[in-house]
Amino acid sequence: MIKAIQVTANDDYTILVTLEDGRIIRMDMNFIKRQQGPVVDVLKQVNEFKKVFVRNGIVTWHTGYDIDPYFLVDTGILVNKIA
């Protein structure tokens, strides 16, 4: 199982996620601006978007919105791998 261990959100609606195997994935999250619903509407405010954290290996926001690590690997861009 792939697990996230650290996440940082940026003002441009990207996140940098460090996985437990050392890979660092950059994910463009601008697509949430086109989604609707209570779990994403508040995240359209950048200060709320940046309150992202890792819970149980999954990138999560306080609204309950989350991103599966497998989706990150399949969709994101590999930035680096820590040795």
N, C-alpha and C. Protein backbone atom coordinates (compact mmCIF):
# COMPACT_ATOMS: atom_id res chain seq x y z
N MET A 1 0.84 -1.19 0.00
CA MET A 1 0.00 0.00 0.00
C MET A 1 0.88 1.24 0.00
N ILE A 2 0.52 2.19 -0.83
CA ILE A 2 1.24 3.46 -0.89
C ILE A 2 0.67 4.37 0.19
N LYS A 3 1.57 5.04 0.94
CA LYS A 3 1.12 5.95 1.99
C LYS A 3 1.84 7.29 1.87
N ALA A 4 1.08 8.36 2.05
CA ALA A 4 1.66 9.70 2.14
C ALA A 4 2.17 9.90 3.56
N ILE A 5 3.26 10.64 3.69
CA ILE A 5 3.77 10.95 5.03
C ILE A 5 3.85 12.45 5.29
N GLN A 6 3.81 13.25 4.21
CA GLN A 6 3.89 14.70 4.37
C GLN A 6 3.24 15.37 3.17
N VAL A 7 2.59 16.52 3.42
CA VAL A 7 1.97 17.27 2.33
C VAL A 7 2.12 18.76 2.60
N THR A 8 2.36 19.50 1.52
CA THR A 8 2.41 20.96 1.57
C THR A 8 1.55 21.49 0.43
N ALA A 9 0.68 22.45 0.75
CA ALA A 9 -0.17 23.07 -0.26
C ALA A 9 0.39 24.44 -0.63
N ASN A 10 0.25 24.79 -1.89
CA ASN A 10 0.76 26.05 -2.40
C ASN A 10 -0.38 26.97 -2.86
N ASP A 11 -0.08 28.25 -2.97
CA ASP A 11 -1.08 29.24 -3.38
C ASP A 11 -1.66 28.98 -4.76
N ASP A 12 -0.93 28.26 -5.61
CA ASP A 12 -1.40 27.99 -6.97
C ASP A 12 -2.25 26.71 -7.06
N TYR A 13 -2.71 26.22 -5.93
CA TYR A 13 -3.55 25.02 -5.85
C TYR A 13 -2.82 23.77 -6.32
N THR A 14 -1.55 23.71 -6.00
CA THR A 14 -0.80 22.47 -6.16
C THR A 14 -0.43 21.97 -4.78
N ILE A 15 -0.19 20.68 -4.70
CA ILE A 15 0.30 20.09 -3.45
C ILE A 15 1.57 19.31 -3.76
N LEU A 16 2.47 19.29 -2.80
CA LEU A 16 3.66 18.44 -2.86
C LEU A 16 3.49 17.38 -1.79
N VAL A 17 3.52 16.13 -2.21
CA VAL A 17 3.27 15.02 -1.30
C VAL A 17 4.50 14.13 -1.26
N THR A 18 5.00 13.86 -0.06
CA THR A 18 6.08 12.91 0.12
C THR A 18 5.46 11.58 0.51
N LEU A 19 5.83 10.54 -0.24
CA LEU A 19 5.34 9.20 0.04
C LEU A 19 6.35 8.46 0.90
N GLU A 20 5.91 7.41 1.56
CA GLU A 20 6.79 6.71 2.49
C GLU A 20 7.98 6.05 1.80
N ASP A 21 7.91 5.82 0.50
CA ASP A 21 9.04 5.23 -0.22
C ASP A 21 10.03 6.28 -0.72
N GLY A 22 9.79 7.57 -0.37
CA GLY A 22 10.71 8.64 -0.72
C GLY A 22 10.33 9.44 -1.95
N ARG A 23 9.35 8.98 -2.71
CA ARG A 23 8.92 9.75 -3.88
C ARG A 23 8.23 11.03 -3.43
N ILE A 24 8.46 12.09 -4.20
CA ILE A 24 7.77 13.36 -3.98
C ILE A 24 6.94 13.64 -5.23
N ILE A 25 5.65 13.78 -5.03
CA ILE A 25 4.70 13.95 -6.12
C ILE A 25 4.12 15.36 -6.07
N ARG A 26 4.10 16.01 -7.23
CA ARG A 26 3.43 17.31 -7.35
C ARG A 26 2.10 17.06 -8.04
N MET A 27 1.04 17.57 -7.41
CA MET A 27 -0.30 17.35 -7.94
C MET A 27 -1.00 18.69 -8.13
N ASP A 28 -1.47 18.94 -9.33
CA ASP A 28 -2.26 20.14 -9.61
C ASP A 28 -3.69 19.87 -9.17
N MET A 29 -4.17 20.63 -8.20
CA MET A 29 -5.49 20.43 -7.63
C MET A 29 -6.50 21.47 -8.11
N ASN A 30 -6.19 22.21 -9.16
CA ASN A 30 -7.09 23.24 -9.65
C ASN A 30 -8.45 22.68 -10.07
N PHE A 31 -8.53 21.38 -10.31
CA PHE A 31 -9.80 20.77 -10.70
C PHE A 31 -10.87 20.90 -9.62
N ILE A 32 -10.46 21.09 -8.36
CA ILE A 32 -11.48 21.21 -7.32
C ILE A 32 -12.29 22.51 -7.47
N LYS A 33 -11.73 23.48 -8.16
CA LYS A 33 -12.46 24.73 -8.39
C LYS A 33 -13.68 24.52 -9.27
N ARG A 34 -13.68 23.43 -10.05
CA ARG A 34 -14.80 23.13 -10.94
C ARG A 34 -15.81 22.17 -10.30
N GLN A 35 -15.44 21.60 -9.17
CA GLN A 35 -16.34 20.69 -8.48
C GLN A 35 -17.26 21.47 -7.55
N GLN A 36 -18.37 20.84 -7.21
CA GLN A 36 -19.31 21.48 -6.31
C GLN A 36 -19.70 20.53 -5.20
N GLY A 37 -20.05 21.11 -4.08
CA GLY A 37 -20.50 20.32 -2.93
C GLY A 37 -19.86 20.83 -1.66
N PRO A 38 -20.42 20.44 -0.54
CA PRO A 38 -19.97 20.97 0.74
C PRO A 38 -18.52 20.64 1.09
N VAL A 39 -17.99 19.53 0.61
CA VAL A 39 -16.61 19.19 0.97
C VAL A 39 -15.57 19.92 0.13
N VAL A 40 -15.97 20.47 -1.03
CA VAL A 40 -15.01 21.20 -1.86
C VAL A 40 -15.26 22.70 -1.90
N ASP A 41 -16.48 23.14 -1.68
CA ASP A 41 -16.78 24.58 -1.82
C ASP A 41 -15.88 25.43 -0.94
N VAL A 42 -15.66 25.05 0.30
CA VAL A 42 -14.83 25.83 1.21
C VAL A 42 -13.35 25.80 0.78
N LEU A 43 -12.94 24.73 0.10
CA LEU A 43 -11.54 24.61 -0.33
C LEU A 43 -11.20 25.52 -1.50
N LYS A 44 -12.18 26.17 -2.07
CA LYS A 44 -11.93 27.12 -3.15
C LYS A 44 -11.32 28.41 -2.62
N GLN A 45 -11.30 28.57 -1.31
CA GLN A 45 -10.59 29.67 -0.65
C GLN A 45 -9.19 29.14 -0.33
N VAL A 46 -8.18 29.80 -0.87
CA VAL A 46 -6.81 29.28 -0.78
C VAL A 46 -6.37 29.06 0.67
N ASN A 47 -6.81 29.92 1.60
CA ASN A 47 -6.39 29.72 2.99
C ASN A 47 -6.98 28.43 3.56
N GLU A 48 -8.14 28.03 3.10
CA GLU A 48 -8.73 26.76 3.54
C GLU A 48 -8.07 25.58 2.82
N PHE A 49 -7.78 25.76 1.55
CA PHE A 49 -7.10 24.72 0.77
C PHE A 49 -5.75 24.36 1.40
N LYS A 50 -5.06 25.37 1.92
CA LYS A 50 -3.73 25.16 2.47
C LYS A 50 -3.74 24.47 3.84
N LYS A 51 -4.91 24.18 4.38
CA LYS A 51 -5.00 23.48 5.67
C LYS A 51 -4.98 21.96 5.50
N VAL A 52 -4.35 21.50 4.46
CA VAL A 52 -4.27 20.08 4.15
C VAL A 52 -3.34 19.37 5.14
N PHE A 53 -3.58 18.10 5.38
CA PHE A 53 -2.75 17.31 6.28
C PHE A 53 -2.81 15.84 5.85
N VAL A 54 -1.97 15.02 6.46
CA VAL A 54 -1.96 13.58 6.19
C VAL A 54 -2.58 12.87 7.39
N ARG A 55 -3.56 12.01 7.08
CA ARG A 55 -4.18 11.19 8.13
C ARG A 55 -4.20 9.75 7.62
N ASN A 56 -3.59 8.88 8.38
CA ASN A 56 -3.54 7.45 8.03
C ASN A 56 -3.00 7.21 6.62
N GLY A 57 -2.01 8.00 6.23
CA GLY A 57 -1.36 7.82 4.93
C GLY A 57 -2.10 8.44 3.76
N ILE A 58 -3.17 9.18 4.04
CA ILE A 58 -3.99 9.77 2.98
C ILE A 58 -4.00 11.29 3.12
N VAL A 59 -3.83 11.99 2.00
CA VAL A 59 -3.90 13.45 1.96
C VAL A 59 -5.35 13.85 2.19
N THR A 60 -5.58 14.70 3.21
CA THR A 60 -6.94 14.98 3.67
C THR A 60 -7.10 16.46 4.01
N TRP A 61 -8.32 16.94 3.87
CA TRP A 61 -8.69 18.29 4.31
C TRP A 61 -9.73 18.17 5.41
N HIS A 62 -9.88 19.22 6.20
CA HIS A 62 -10.78 19.21 7.35
C HIS A 62 -12.25 19.01 6.96
N THR A 63 -12.57 19.21 5.68
CA THR A 63 -13.95 19.03 5.22
C THR A 63 -14.29 17.56 4.97
N GLY A 64 -13.26 16.72 4.98
CA GLY A 64 -13.44 15.31 4.67
C GLY A 64 -13.01 14.94 3.26
N TYR A 65 -12.67 15.94 2.46
CA TYR A 65 -12.17 15.68 1.10
C TYR A 65 -10.79 15.04 1.23
N ASP A 66 -10.53 14.01 0.42
CA ASP A 66 -9.22 13.38 0.45
C ASP A 66 -8.79 12.93 -0.93
N ILE A 67 -7.52 12.65 -1.05
CA ILE A 67 -6.92 12.19 -2.30
C ILE A 67 -6.18 10.89 -2.01
N ASP A 68 -6.57 9.86 -2.70
CA ASP A 68 -5.95 8.55 -2.55
C ASP A 68 -4.50 8.60 -3.06
N PRO A 69 -3.57 8.00 -2.33
CA PRO A 69 -2.17 8.01 -2.77
C PRO A 69 -1.97 7.37 -4.15
N TYR A 70 -2.76 6.37 -4.50
CA TYR A 70 -2.64 5.75 -5.83
C TYR A 70 -3.04 6.74 -6.93
N PHE A 71 -4.04 7.56 -6.67
CA PHE A 71 -4.45 8.60 -7.61
C PHE A 71 -3.32 9.61 -7.78
N LEU A 72 -2.65 9.96 -6.69
CA LEU A 72 -1.51 10.88 -6.75
C LEU A 72 -0.42 10.33 -7.65
N VAL A 73 -0.09 9.07 -7.48
CA VAL A 73 0.98 8.46 -8.27
C VAL A 73 0.59 8.37 -9.74
N ASP A 74 -0.66 8.01 -10.01
CA ASP A 74 -1.12 7.86 -11.39
C ASP A 74 -1.30 9.19 -12.11
N THR A 75 -1.67 10.24 -11.38
CA THR A 75 -2.06 11.50 -12.00
C THR A 75 -1.02 12.61 -11.80
N GLY A 76 -0.32 12.57 -10.68
CA GLY A 76 0.64 13.61 -10.35
C GLY A 76 1.93 13.48 -11.12
N ILE A 77 2.84 14.40 -10.85
CA ILE A 77 4.15 14.43 -11.51
C ILE A 77 5.22 14.10 -10.48
N LEU A 78 6.05 13.12 -10.80
CA LEU A 78 7.17 12.77 -9.93
C LEU A 78 8.17 13.90 -9.97
N VAL A 79 8.42 14.52 -8.81
CA VAL A 79 9.32 15.65 -8.72
C VAL A 79 10.72 15.19 -8.34
N ASN A 80 10.77 14.26 -7.40
CA ASN A 80 12.05 13.86 -6.85
C ASN A 80 11.86 12.55 -6.10
N LYS A 81 12.96 11.90 -5.82
CA LYS A 81 12.94 10.74 -4.94
C LYS A 81 14.06 10.90 -3.94
N ILE A 82 13.68 10.85 -2.67
CA ILE A 82 14.67 10.94 -1.59
C ILE A 82 15.34 9.59 -1.47
N ALA A 83 16.65 9.59 -1.41
CA ALA A 83 17.41 8.33 -1.33
C ALA A 83 17.15 7.59 -0.05
